[in-house]
N, C-alpha and C. Protein backbone atom coordinates (compact mmCIF):
# COMPACT_ATOMS: atom_id res chain seq x y z
N UNK A 1 6.97 11.68 10.84
CA UNK A 1 5.72 12.41 10.78
C UNK A 1 4.55 11.52 11.21
N UNK A 2 4.69 10.21 11.04
CA UNK A 2 3.64 9.30 11.46
C UNK A 2 3.35 9.39 12.95
N UNK A 3 4.41 9.51 13.73
CA UNK A 3 4.24 9.63 15.18
C UNK A 3 3.49 10.92 15.53
N UNK A 4 3.81 12.00 14.87
CA UNK A 4 3.15 13.28 15.15
C UNK A 4 1.66 13.21 14.82
N UNK A 5 1.32 12.58 13.71
CA UNK A 5 -0.09 12.45 13.34
C UNK A 5 -0.80 11.52 14.32
N UNK A 6 -0.12 10.47 14.74
CA UNK A 6 -0.69 9.56 15.73
C UNK A 6 -0.98 10.30 17.04
N UNK A 7 -0.04 11.12 17.46
CA UNK A 7 -0.23 11.90 18.69
C UNK A 7 -1.37 12.89 18.52
N UNK A 8 -1.52 13.48 17.34
CA UNK A 8 -2.64 14.39 17.09
C UNK A 8 -3.96 13.64 17.21
N UNK A 9 -4.00 12.41 16.68
CA UNK A 9 -5.21 11.59 16.80
C UNK A 9 -5.54 11.36 18.27
N UNK A 10 -4.53 10.97 19.05
CA UNK A 10 -4.80 10.69 20.46
C UNK A 10 -5.15 11.96 21.23
N UNK A 11 -4.67 13.10 20.79
CA UNK A 11 -5.09 14.37 21.40
C UNK A 11 -6.58 14.58 21.15
N UNK A 12 -7.02 14.32 19.92
CA UNK A 12 -8.44 14.46 19.60
C UNK A 12 -9.26 13.41 20.35
N UNK A 13 -8.76 12.19 20.39
CA UNK A 13 -9.43 11.09 21.08
C UNK A 13 -9.67 11.46 22.55
N UNK A 14 -8.62 11.96 23.21
CA UNK A 14 -8.74 12.32 24.62
C UNK A 14 -9.61 13.55 24.82
N UNK A 15 -9.61 14.47 23.87
CA UNK A 15 -10.51 15.63 23.95
C UNK A 15 -11.96 15.18 23.88
N UNK A 16 -12.25 14.22 23.01
CA UNK A 16 -13.61 13.69 22.91
C UNK A 16 -13.99 12.99 24.22
N UNK A 17 -13.08 12.22 24.79
CA UNK A 17 -13.36 11.58 26.09
C UNK A 17 -13.65 12.63 27.16
N UNK A 18 -12.93 13.73 27.12
CA UNK A 18 -13.15 14.82 28.08
C UNK A 18 -14.57 15.38 27.95
N UNK A 19 -15.09 15.40 26.73
CA UNK A 19 -16.43 15.95 26.49
C UNK A 19 -17.54 14.95 26.82
N UNK A 20 -17.19 13.69 26.96
CA UNK A 20 -18.19 12.64 27.21
C UNK A 20 -18.65 12.68 28.67
N UNK A 21 -19.84 12.15 28.93
CA UNK A 21 -20.32 12.10 30.31
C UNK A 21 -19.41 11.22 31.18
N UNK A 22 -19.12 11.69 32.37
CA UNK A 22 -18.22 10.94 33.26
C UNK A 22 -18.80 9.58 33.65
N UNK A 23 -20.12 9.49 33.76
CA UNK A 23 -20.73 8.24 34.20
C UNK A 23 -20.90 7.22 33.08
N UNK A 24 -20.70 7.64 31.82
CA UNK A 24 -20.85 6.71 30.70
C UNK A 24 -19.95 7.10 29.53
N UNK A 25 -18.63 7.11 29.74
CA UNK A 25 -17.74 7.50 28.64
C UNK A 25 -17.59 6.36 27.63
N UNK A 26 -17.28 6.68 26.39
CA UNK A 26 -16.99 5.63 25.41
C UNK A 26 -15.77 4.83 25.87
N UNK A 27 -15.77 3.54 25.60
CA UNK A 27 -14.67 2.71 26.09
C UNK A 27 -13.83 2.10 24.97
N UNK A 28 -14.16 2.42 23.72
CA UNK A 28 -13.40 1.90 22.58
C UNK A 28 -13.16 3.03 21.58
N UNK A 29 -12.26 2.79 20.64
CA UNK A 29 -12.04 3.78 19.59
C UNK A 29 -13.32 4.00 18.79
N UNK A 30 -14.04 2.93 18.52
CA UNK A 30 -15.31 3.05 17.79
C UNK A 30 -16.32 3.85 18.60
N UNK A 31 -16.35 3.63 19.89
CA UNK A 31 -17.26 4.39 20.75
C UNK A 31 -16.93 5.88 20.78
N UNK A 32 -15.64 6.20 20.82
CA UNK A 32 -15.21 7.60 20.78
C UNK A 32 -15.60 8.21 19.44
N UNK A 33 -15.39 7.46 18.37
CA UNK A 33 -15.75 7.93 17.04
C UNK A 33 -17.26 8.21 16.97
N UNK A 34 -18.04 7.29 17.49
CA UNK A 34 -19.50 7.45 17.48
C UNK A 34 -19.92 8.67 18.31
N UNK A 35 -19.37 8.79 19.52
CA UNK A 35 -19.71 9.94 20.37
C UNK A 35 -19.32 11.25 19.70
N UNK A 36 -18.11 11.29 19.12
CA UNK A 36 -17.63 12.49 18.44
C UNK A 36 -18.60 12.90 17.34
N UNK A 37 -18.99 11.94 16.52
CA UNK A 37 -19.86 12.26 15.39
C UNK A 37 -21.24 12.72 15.86
N UNK A 38 -21.88 11.96 16.73
CA UNK A 38 -23.27 12.26 17.09
C UNK A 38 -23.39 13.39 18.09
N UNK A 39 -22.47 13.53 19.00
CA UNK A 39 -22.62 14.52 20.05
C UNK A 39 -21.89 15.84 19.81
N UNK A 40 -20.93 15.84 18.91
CA UNK A 40 -20.20 17.08 18.65
C UNK A 40 -20.42 17.58 17.23
N UNK A 41 -20.33 16.70 16.25
CA UNK A 41 -20.48 17.13 14.85
C UNK A 41 -21.96 17.25 14.48
N UNK A 42 -22.74 16.19 14.65
CA UNK A 42 -24.16 16.24 14.28
C UNK A 42 -24.93 17.24 15.13
N UNK A 43 -24.50 17.46 16.35
CA UNK A 43 -25.16 18.43 17.21
C UNK A 43 -24.91 19.86 16.74
N UNK A 44 -23.96 20.01 15.82
CA UNK A 44 -23.72 21.31 15.22
C UNK A 44 -22.64 22.14 15.88
N UNK A 45 -21.99 21.60 16.90
CA UNK A 45 -20.97 22.42 17.58
C UNK A 45 -19.63 22.39 16.87
N UNK A 46 -19.43 21.45 15.95
CA UNK A 46 -18.19 21.38 15.17
C UNK A 46 -18.54 21.17 13.70
N UNK A 47 -17.70 21.67 12.82
CA UNK A 47 -17.91 21.55 11.38
C UNK A 47 -17.72 20.11 10.92
N UNK A 48 -18.69 19.60 10.20
CA UNK A 48 -18.60 18.23 9.69
C UNK A 48 -17.46 18.08 8.70
N UNK A 49 -17.38 19.00 7.74
CA UNK A 49 -16.35 18.87 6.71
C UNK A 49 -14.95 18.94 7.31
N UNK A 50 -14.76 19.87 8.21
CA UNK A 50 -13.42 20.10 8.75
C UNK A 50 -13.05 19.07 9.81
N UNK A 51 -13.80 19.04 10.90
CA UNK A 51 -13.38 18.22 12.03
C UNK A 51 -13.58 16.73 11.79
N UNK A 52 -14.68 16.36 11.19
CA UNK A 52 -14.93 14.94 10.96
C UNK A 52 -13.89 14.36 10.01
N UNK A 53 -13.60 15.06 8.93
CA UNK A 53 -12.64 14.51 7.97
C UNK A 53 -11.25 14.44 8.56
N UNK A 54 -10.85 15.44 9.35
CA UNK A 54 -9.51 15.41 9.96
C UNK A 54 -9.42 14.33 11.03
N UNK A 55 -10.48 14.13 11.79
CA UNK A 55 -10.48 13.06 12.80
C UNK A 55 -10.33 11.71 12.10
N UNK A 56 -11.08 11.51 11.02
CA UNK A 56 -10.99 10.27 10.25
C UNK A 56 -9.59 10.09 9.65
N UNK A 57 -9.05 11.16 9.07
CA UNK A 57 -7.71 11.08 8.48
C UNK A 57 -6.66 10.75 9.54
N UNK A 58 -6.76 11.40 10.69
CA UNK A 58 -5.79 11.15 11.76
C UNK A 58 -5.89 9.70 12.24
N UNK A 59 -7.12 9.19 12.37
CA UNK A 59 -7.30 7.80 12.79
C UNK A 59 -6.70 6.84 11.76
N UNK A 60 -6.98 7.09 10.49
CA UNK A 60 -6.45 6.22 9.43
C UNK A 60 -4.93 6.25 9.40
N UNK A 61 -4.35 7.43 9.56
CA UNK A 61 -2.89 7.54 9.55
C UNK A 61 -2.27 6.92 10.80
N UNK A 62 -2.96 6.99 11.93
CA UNK A 62 -2.48 6.32 13.15
C UNK A 62 -2.41 4.82 12.92
N UNK A 63 -3.41 4.28 12.27
CA UNK A 63 -3.42 2.85 11.98
C UNK A 63 -2.28 2.50 11.03
N UNK A 64 -2.08 3.33 10.00
CA UNK A 64 -0.95 3.09 9.07
C UNK A 64 0.38 3.08 9.84
N UNK A 65 0.55 4.03 10.74
CA UNK A 65 1.81 4.17 11.48
C UNK A 65 1.98 3.03 12.49
N UNK A 66 0.97 2.80 13.32
CA UNK A 66 1.09 1.82 14.41
C UNK A 66 1.09 0.38 13.94
N UNK A 67 0.25 0.05 12.98
CA UNK A 67 0.06 -1.35 12.62
C UNK A 67 0.73 -1.76 11.32
N UNK A 68 0.99 -0.79 10.45
CA UNK A 68 1.61 -1.13 9.17
C UNK A 68 3.02 -0.58 9.03
N UNK A 69 3.43 0.30 9.96
CA UNK A 69 4.77 0.89 9.92
C UNK A 69 5.00 1.79 8.73
N UNK A 70 3.93 2.42 8.24
CA UNK A 70 4.03 3.27 7.06
C UNK A 70 3.87 4.74 7.44
N UNK A 71 4.58 5.59 6.71
CA UNK A 71 4.46 7.04 6.90
C UNK A 71 3.12 7.51 6.37
N UNK A 72 2.70 8.72 6.77
CA UNK A 72 1.43 9.25 6.25
C UNK A 72 1.46 9.36 4.73
N UNK A 73 0.30 9.21 4.13
CA UNK A 73 0.18 9.37 2.69
C UNK A 73 0.53 10.81 2.30
N UNK A 74 1.13 11.00 1.14
CA UNK A 74 1.48 12.36 0.70
C UNK A 74 0.27 13.28 0.57
N UNK A 75 -0.90 12.70 0.37
CA UNK A 75 -2.11 13.51 0.20
C UNK A 75 -2.74 13.92 1.53
N UNK A 76 -2.24 13.40 2.63
CA UNK A 76 -2.80 13.73 3.94
C UNK A 76 -2.44 15.16 4.33
N UNK A 77 -3.43 15.92 4.73
CA UNK A 77 -3.22 17.30 5.16
C UNK A 77 -2.83 17.29 6.64
N UNK A 78 -1.55 17.11 6.89
CA UNK A 78 -1.06 16.99 8.26
C UNK A 78 -1.27 18.28 9.04
N UNK A 79 -1.00 19.42 8.43
CA UNK A 79 -1.22 20.69 9.12
C UNK A 79 -2.69 20.87 9.48
N UNK A 80 -3.58 20.42 8.61
CA UNK A 80 -5.01 20.49 8.90
C UNK A 80 -5.38 19.63 10.08
N UNK A 81 -4.78 18.45 10.18
CA UNK A 81 -5.02 17.56 11.32
C UNK A 81 -4.58 18.25 12.60
N UNK A 82 -3.40 18.86 12.59
CA UNK A 82 -2.91 19.55 13.79
C UNK A 82 -3.83 20.70 14.19
N UNK A 83 -4.28 21.49 13.22
CA UNK A 83 -5.19 22.61 13.52
C UNK A 83 -6.52 22.10 14.07
N UNK A 84 -7.05 21.04 13.47
CA UNK A 84 -8.32 20.48 13.94
C UNK A 84 -8.17 19.94 15.36
N UNK A 85 -7.04 19.31 15.66
CA UNK A 85 -6.81 18.81 17.02
C UNK A 85 -6.78 19.97 18.01
N UNK A 86 -6.08 21.03 17.66
CA UNK A 86 -6.00 22.19 18.54
C UNK A 86 -7.38 22.82 18.76
N UNK A 87 -8.16 22.95 17.70
CA UNK A 87 -9.49 23.54 17.81
C UNK A 87 -10.42 22.65 18.63
N UNK A 88 -10.33 21.34 18.46
CA UNK A 88 -11.17 20.43 19.23
C UNK A 88 -10.83 20.51 20.71
N UNK A 89 -9.55 20.55 21.03
CA UNK A 89 -9.13 20.67 22.43
C UNK A 89 -9.66 21.98 23.01
N UNK A 90 -9.52 23.07 22.28
CA UNK A 90 -10.04 24.35 22.75
C UNK A 90 -11.56 24.30 22.93
N UNK A 91 -12.24 23.60 22.03
CA UNK A 91 -13.70 23.52 22.06
C UNK A 91 -14.21 22.81 23.31
N UNK A 92 -13.55 21.76 23.73
CA UNK A 92 -14.05 20.97 24.86
C UNK A 92 -13.47 21.42 26.20
N UNK A 93 -12.52 22.33 26.16
CA UNK A 93 -11.89 22.80 27.42
C UNK A 93 -12.79 23.76 28.15
């Protein structure tokens, strides 16, 4: 399940890059996070509670999976992460 959550994070990551200006896209995970928050969530086009928390959860679980070799926490709403990824992709398409 860790791999699936990691892939959901990268789906969201790439969707955010797609929404960024071509001449000045974010070049780091922190930059993507910053752009996502200020240009999509704070601008009001995405729900802060829903999308921001799922993006953060997916990022945290990706780190657990990639760098610590641990499965997602039992409290992680994996289905919610998948739905948020799908909605974000639809939003920026």
